[in-house]
Amino acid sequence: MTSYSRQDVIRILQISSRQLQGWERANLIPQQQTYSFQDLGQLRTLRGLREDSVSAASIRDSIVAMKAVAGMTNPLLEACLVRRGTRLAFRHHGAVVDPIRRQLLFDFDRADGPSATSEPYPLRRPGAGNARGIQDRFLAAVQAEEAGEKQRAIALYEEILSMDANYAPAYINLGTLHFHLRQFGQAEALYRRATEADPGYVLAFFDLGNVLDELQRPDESIAAYRRAVALAPRYADAHYNLALAHERRGERRNALRHWQAYVGLDNRGPWAEHARSQIHKLLSSEKLGIAWRADGYIPRRKGLAALALVAPQPRIS
């Protein structure tokens, strides 16, 4: 059999007609009457994600972002989808792509040597002549960090920058080494250089916000986090740090907005619990009142006032 009907798909995947229609309405898959074997693979992936409570919005946003950054027609067929914590990524051509943050992750699950936490770097390619040498040195530097060989890692990152002065990932990782050594001035300079080398590099602005926060420069820190959110609106960690920064400044309404954004993006684990706790405290505060507004009305009926509120939504005032 080379094609499958809708009823075949429902039977094989053990899903309901409503589920299939829901995926179509959410623009996760196109509406069609017959499906190929590849389509079945795509649908199995969607079923697994939904069973793991990954929201349709998160899946859709990742697919759209992957199309934009990688030029793919159908990422679920052209790449292998993988989970990275609360986010979705795609394995493609030997690299793991986080499309929302426009970054590549080293695929340590497939690399030789000790495993490590993936350090993201942006979707950019250095000059062809140096590409292989830079990639080899970058991987070696990350592995040196994981082995606790900080000075060797620093030397490797500096060597990379001598080969390519605009290689933003090396600035970021070198800055982070100085950050952990509490050399915040050097870390700031390196993070700023990363933002100049690649203005679309989300992690550069996020890390810059972190070091500016340590340097107790809240206005600049908030500006850096906001830039990260502007580049990647679904970057949950940036929303979390923005909420903290606004709370420290007593800007409760701004803090509330970013706490709510964080919970909408990452609703599991201790950080989500803390965010929900802060939302509750802020909404319970005497200085924050809730005004209710209606987004529509129903016609007058006997015994009722001319307007009745429908689907009230809270607005902070």
Protein backbone atom coordinates (compact mmCIF):
# COMPACT_ATOMS: atom_id res chain seq x y z
CA MET A 1 0.00 0.00 0.00
CA THR A 2 1.43 3.37 -1.05
CA SER A 3 -1.28 5.63 0.36
CA TYR A 4 -3.58 5.65 3.39
CA SER A 5 -7.04 7.09 3.86
CA ARG A 6 -8.05 9.22 6.84
CA GLN A 7 -9.75 6.19 8.38
CA ASP A 8 -6.57 4.15 7.87
CA VAL A 9 -4.55 6.82 9.70
CA ILE A 10 -7.03 6.97 12.59
CA ARG A 11 -6.96 3.18 12.92
CA ILE A 12 -3.18 2.73 12.59
CA LEU A 13 -2.24 5.55 14.97
CA GLN A 14 -5.15 4.89 17.34
CA ILE A 15 -6.20 8.52 17.40
CA SER A 16 -9.63 10.06 17.09
CA SER A 17 -11.05 11.94 14.13
CA ARG A 18 -11.26 14.99 16.42
CA GLN A 19 -7.52 14.79 17.17
CA LEU A 20 -6.66 14.69 13.48
CA GLN A 21 -8.95 17.63 12.76
CA GLY A 22 -7.46 19.53 15.71
CA TRP A 23 -3.93 19.14 14.33
CA GLU A 24 -5.18 20.44 11.00
CA ARG A 25 -6.91 23.45 12.59
CA ALA A 26 -3.70 24.21 14.51
CA ASN A 27 -1.80 24.18 11.18
CA LEU A 28 0.47 21.38 12.38
CA ILE A 29 -0.34 19.34 9.27
CA PRO A 30 -2.14 20.17 6.01
CA GLN A 31 -5.68 18.92 5.55
CA GLN A 32 -5.76 16.01 3.10
CA GLN A 33 -7.69 12.88 2.28
CA THR A 34 -4.81 10.49 1.57
CA TYR A 35 -1.48 10.09 3.36
CA SER A 36 1.89 8.65 2.43
CA PHE A 37 4.11 6.46 4.60
CA GLN A 38 6.20 9.57 5.38
CA ASP A 39 3.06 11.38 6.47
CA LEU A 40 2.39 8.57 8.93
CA GLY A 41 5.84 9.14 10.44
CA GLN A 42 5.08 12.83 10.86
CA LEU A 43 1.74 12.06 12.50
CA ARG A 44 3.39 9.58 14.90
CA THR A 45 5.78 12.34 15.95
CA LEU A 46 2.88 14.71 16.61
CA ARG A 47 1.02 12.08 18.60
CA GLY A 48 4.06 11.45 20.79
CA LEU A 49 4.55 15.15 21.46
CA ARG A 50 0.92 15.68 22.40
CA GLU A 51 1.04 12.63 24.69
CA ASP A 52 4.01 14.29 26.41
CA SER A 53 1.83 17.39 26.93
CA VAL A 54 3.77 19.55 24.46
CA SER A 55 1.34 22.28 23.43
CA ALA A 56 0.17 22.60 19.84
CA ALA A 57 1.32 26.23 19.91
CA SER A 58 4.85 25.23 20.91
CA ILE A 59 5.02 22.59 18.17
CA ARG A 60 3.67 25.00 15.56
CA ASP A 61 6.05 27.80 16.56
CA SER A 62 9.03 25.42 16.36
CA ILE A 63 7.99 24.16 12.92
CA VAL A 64 7.49 27.70 11.58
CA ALA A 65 10.83 28.83 13.03
CA MET A 66 12.63 25.82 11.56
CA LYS A 67 11.22 26.58 8.13
CA ALA A 68 12.53 30.14 8.46
CA VAL A 69 16.06 29.39 9.68
CA ALA A 70 16.75 26.24 7.67
CA GLY A 71 14.67 26.80 4.55
CA MET A 72 12.79 23.53 5.03
CA THR A 73 9.41 22.79 3.54
CA ASN A 74 8.42 20.22 6.16
CA PRO A 75 10.79 20.02 9.17
CA LEU A 76 8.99 17.02 10.65
CA LEU A 77 9.91 15.02 7.55
CA GLU A 78 13.24 16.60 6.62
CA ALA A 79 14.76 16.57 10.12
CA CYS A 80 14.52 14.47 13.28
CA LEU A 81 12.70 16.22 16.11
CA VAL A 82 14.26 15.95 19.59
CA ARG A 83 13.30 17.26 23.03
CA ARG A 84 15.72 19.59 24.84
CA GLY A 85 14.23 20.21 28.26
CA THR A 86 11.03 22.18 27.73
CA ARG A 87 11.95 23.17 24.17
CA LEU A 88 11.84 21.42 20.82
CA ALA A 89 14.84 21.09 18.54
CA PHE A 90 15.62 19.35 15.26
CA ARG A 91 18.57 17.12 14.38
CA HIS A 92 19.77 18.00 10.88
CA HIS A 93 23.06 17.39 9.04
CA GLY A 94 24.84 16.26 12.21
CA ALA A 95 23.78 19.24 14.33
CA VAL A 96 20.87 19.92 16.66
CA VAL A 97 18.99 23.10 15.80
CA ASP A 98 16.96 25.14 18.32
CA PRO A 99 14.92 27.18 15.83
CA ILE A 100 13.16 29.44 18.33
CA ARG A 101 16.48 30.77 19.63
CA ARG A 102 18.09 30.58 16.16
CA GLN A 103 20.97 28.50 17.48
CA LEU A 104 22.78 25.25 16.89
CA LEU A 105 23.62 22.85 19.68
CA PHE A 106 26.54 20.47 19.63
CA ASP A 107 25.11 16.99 19.50
CA PHE A 108 27.05 15.46 22.36
CA ASP A 109 24.83 12.40 22.26
CA ARG A 110 26.58 11.51 19.01
CA ALA A 111 30.02 12.94 19.70
CA ASP A 112 32.96 10.94 21.00
CA GLY A 113 34.33 11.73 24.42
CA PRO A 114 32.62 12.69 27.68
CA SER A 115 29.02 13.87 27.56
CA ALA A 116 28.30 17.46 28.36
CA THR A 117 25.55 19.98 28.46
CA SER A 118 25.09 21.42 25.01
CA GLU A 119 26.27 24.99 24.62
CA PRO A 120 24.28 26.80 21.93
CA TYR A 121 25.79 28.79 19.11
CA PRO A 122 24.02 30.71 16.35
CA LEU A 123 23.08 29.59 12.88
CA ARG A 124 26.08 31.03 11.07
CA ARG A 125 28.99 29.58 9.17
CA PRO A 126 32.59 30.78 9.49
CA GLY A 127 34.80 31.08 6.42
CA ALA A 128 35.10 27.83 4.51
CA GLY A 129 38.88 27.68 4.89
CA ASN A 130 38.79 27.76 8.69
CA ALA A 131 35.45 26.06 9.31
CA ARG A 132 36.72 22.59 10.19
CA GLY A 133 39.57 23.84 12.37
CA ILE A 134 37.27 26.21 14.25
CA GLN A 135 34.65 23.54 14.83
CA ASP A 136 37.25 21.08 16.10
CA ARG A 137 38.74 23.68 18.46
CA PHE A 138 35.31 24.76 19.67
CA LEU A 139 34.31 21.20 20.54
CA ALA A 140 37.69 20.65 22.22
CA ALA A 141 37.25 23.84 24.24
CA VAL A 142 33.78 22.82 25.44
CA GLN A 143 35.10 19.39 26.43
CA ALA A 144 38.01 21.06 28.25
CA GLU A 145 35.52 23.13 30.24
CA GLU A 146 33.59 20.00 31.17
CA ALA A 147 36.83 18.36 32.31
CA GLY A 148 37.61 21.38 34.52
CA GLU A 149 40.55 22.48 32.35
CA LYS A 150 39.60 26.15 32.30
CA GLN A 151 42.93 27.57 31.22
CA ARG A 152 43.13 25.18 28.30
CA ALA A 153 39.58 26.14 27.30
CA ILE A 154 40.46 29.85 27.50
CA ALA A 155 43.49 29.28 25.28
CA LEU A 156 41.41 27.40 22.72
CA TYR A 157 38.70 30.09 22.58
CA GLU A 158 41.33 32.79 22.17
CA GLU A 159 42.91 30.75 19.38
CA ILE A 160 39.53 30.51 17.66
CA LEU A 161 39.10 34.29 17.85
CA SER A 162 42.53 34.78 16.30
CA MET A 163 41.29 32.69 13.38
CA ASP A 164 37.89 34.37 13.13
CA ALA A 165 37.46 37.65 14.99
CA ASN A 166 33.69 37.53 14.46
CA TYR A 167 33.04 34.04 15.80
CA ALA A 168 30.40 34.96 18.37
CA PRO A 169 30.16 31.55 20.13
CA ALA A 170 33.79 31.80 21.26
CA TYR A 171 33.16 35.27 22.72
CA ILE A 172 30.17 33.90 24.62
CA ASN A 173 31.91 30.86 26.08
CA LEU A 174 35.05 32.82 26.89
CA GLY A 175 32.91 35.48 28.55
CA THR A 176 31.16 32.81 30.60
CA LEU A 177 34.50 31.46 31.85
CA HIS A 178 35.43 34.96 33.04
CA PHE A 179 31.93 35.35 34.52
CA HIS A 180 32.39 32.25 36.67
CA LEU A 181 35.80 33.59 37.73
CA ARG A 182 33.88 36.73 38.82
CA GLN A 183 35.81 38.82 36.30
CA PHE A 184 32.64 40.63 35.35
CA GLY A 185 34.26 43.49 33.46
CA GLN A 186 36.00 41.11 31.07
CA ALA A 187 32.85 39.03 30.72
CA GLU A 188 30.82 42.13 29.81
CA ALA A 189 33.33 43.18 27.15
CA LEU A 190 33.25 39.71 25.57
CA TYR A 191 29.45 39.47 25.62
CA ARG A 192 29.17 42.91 24.02
CA ARG A 193 31.63 41.83 21.34
CA ALA A 194 29.40 38.82 20.66
CA THR A 195 26.35 41.05 20.17
CA GLU A 196 28.34 43.15 17.70
CA ALA A 197 29.64 40.13 15.81
CA ASP A 198 26.15 38.65 15.51
CA PRO A 199 23.27 41.05 16.37
CA GLY A 200 20.78 38.20 16.03
CA TYR A 201 22.53 36.00 18.62
CA VAL A 202 19.93 35.64 21.37
CA LEU A 203 22.20 34.07 23.98
CA ALA A 204 24.66 36.96 23.69
CA PHE A 205 22.04 39.46 24.88
CA PHE A 206 20.78 37.08 27.57
CA ASP A 207 24.26 36.57 29.02
CA LEU A 208 24.98 40.28 28.74
CA GLY A 209 21.88 40.90 30.84
CA ASN A 210 23.16 38.44 33.45
CA VAL A 211 26.55 40.11 33.85
CA LEU A 212 25.03 43.61 33.91
CA ASP A 213 22.74 42.38 36.68
CA GLU A 214 25.80 41.23 38.64
CA LEU A 215 27.36 44.66 38.06
CA GLN A 216 24.18 46.22 39.53
CA ARG A 217 23.30 48.14 36.37
CA PRO A 218 19.59 47.30 36.22
CA ASP A 219 18.58 49.64 33.37
CA GLU A 220 21.18 48.14 31.04
CA SER A 221 20.42 44.62 32.23
CA ILE A 222 16.70 45.00 31.52
CA ALA A 223 17.48 46.46 28.09
CA ALA A 224 19.64 43.43 27.24
CA TYR A 225 16.97 40.95 28.39
CA ARG A 226 14.35 42.84 26.40
CA ARG A 227 16.52 42.54 23.32
CA ALA A 228 16.73 38.78 23.87
CA VAL A 229 12.94 38.57 24.16
CA ALA A 230 12.50 40.71 21.04
CA LEU A 231 14.69 38.28 19.10
CA ALA A 232 13.06 35.18 20.61
CA PRO A 233 9.65 35.93 22.20
CA ARG A 234 9.38 32.34 23.43
CA TYR A 235 12.70 32.46 25.30
CA ALA A 236 11.36 31.49 28.72
CA ASP A 237 14.57 32.11 30.68
CA ALA A 238 14.73 35.72 29.46
CA HIS A 239 11.15 36.31 30.64
CA TYR A 240 12.06 34.80 34.03
CA ASN A 241 15.07 37.07 34.49
CA LEU A 242 13.12 40.10 33.30
CA ALA A 243 10.45 39.37 35.91
CA LEU A 244 13.10 39.19 38.63
CA ALA A 245 14.74 42.43 37.45
CA HIS A 246 11.44 44.31 37.41
CA GLU A 247 10.54 43.00 40.85
CA ARG A 248 13.83 44.28 42.28
CA ARG A 249 12.96 47.71 40.90
CA GLY A 250 9.46 47.56 42.37
CA GLU A 251 7.88 47.47 38.90
CA ARG A 252 5.18 44.98 39.78
CA ARG A 253 3.05 45.20 36.68
CA ASN A 254 6.02 44.62 34.38
CA ALA A 255 7.15 41.75 36.61
CA LEU A 256 3.68 40.20 36.51
CA ARG A 257 3.58 40.30 32.72
CA HIS A 258 6.85 38.39 32.42
CA TRP A 259 6.00 35.90 35.18
CA GLN A 260 2.84 35.09 33.26
CA ALA A 261 4.77 34.80 30.01
CA TYR A 262 7.23 32.40 31.66
CA VAL A 263 4.50 30.13 33.02
CA GLY A 264 2.86 30.12 29.60
CA LEU A 265 6.10 28.83 28.09
CA ASP A 266 7.38 26.53 30.85
CA ASN A 267 4.72 25.32 33.30
CA ARG A 268 6.64 22.50 34.98
CA GLY A 269 9.33 22.26 37.61
CA PRO A 270 10.47 24.43 40.54
CA TRP A 271 10.99 27.60 38.47
CA ALA A 272 7.41 27.42 37.20
CA GLU A 273 6.20 26.91 40.76
CA HIS A 274 8.12 29.99 41.88
CA ALA A 275 6.69 32.00 38.97
CA ARG A 276 3.15 30.95 39.87
CA SER A 277 3.79 31.88 43.49
CA GLN A 278 4.96 35.34 42.44
CA ILE A 279 1.93 35.80 40.21
CA HIS A 280 -0.34 34.95 43.14
CA LYS A 281 1.48 37.38 45.43
CA LEU A 282 1.34 40.20 42.90
CA LEU A 283 -2.34 39.69 42.15
CA SER A 284 -3.05 39.57 45.88
CA SER A 285 -1.15 42.78 46.53
CA GLU A 286 -3.15 45.74 47.77
CA LYS A 287 -1.58 47.99 45.16
CA LEU A 288 -2.67 45.83 42.23
CA GLY A 289 -6.37 45.83 41.50
CA ILE A 290 -8.09 43.85 38.76
CA ALA A 291 -10.46 45.63 36.42
CA TRP A 292 -12.74 43.44 34.35
CA ARG A 293 -13.68 44.15 30.76
CA ALA A 294 -15.86 42.41 28.24
CA ASP A 295 -14.88 41.66 24.68
CA GLY A 296 -18.50 41.32 23.53
CA TYR A 297 -22.14 41.42 24.63
CA ILE A 298 -25.36 39.44 24.25
CA PRO A 299 -28.75 40.89 23.29
CA ARG A 300 -31.07 42.13 26.01
CA ARG A 301 -33.50 39.65 27.46
CA LYS A 302 -36.47 40.20 29.77
CA GLY A 303 -35.47 41.07 33.27
CA LEU A 304 -31.83 41.77 32.35
CA ALA A 305 -29.89 44.95 31.85
CA ALA A 306 -29.17 46.16 28.33
CA LEU A 307 -25.66 44.71 28.33
CA ALA A 308 -24.31 41.53 29.89
CA LEU A 309 -20.63 40.75 30.12
CA VAL A 310 -19.37 37.80 28.12
CA ALA A 311 -16.02 36.02 28.59
CA PRO A 312 -14.53 38.57 30.99
CA GLN A 313 -10.73 38.87 30.83
CA PRO A 314 -8.56 40.42 33.55
CA ARG A 315 -6.65 43.60 32.92
CA ILE A 316 -4.13 44.90 35.39
CA SER A 317 -4.62 48.52 36.34
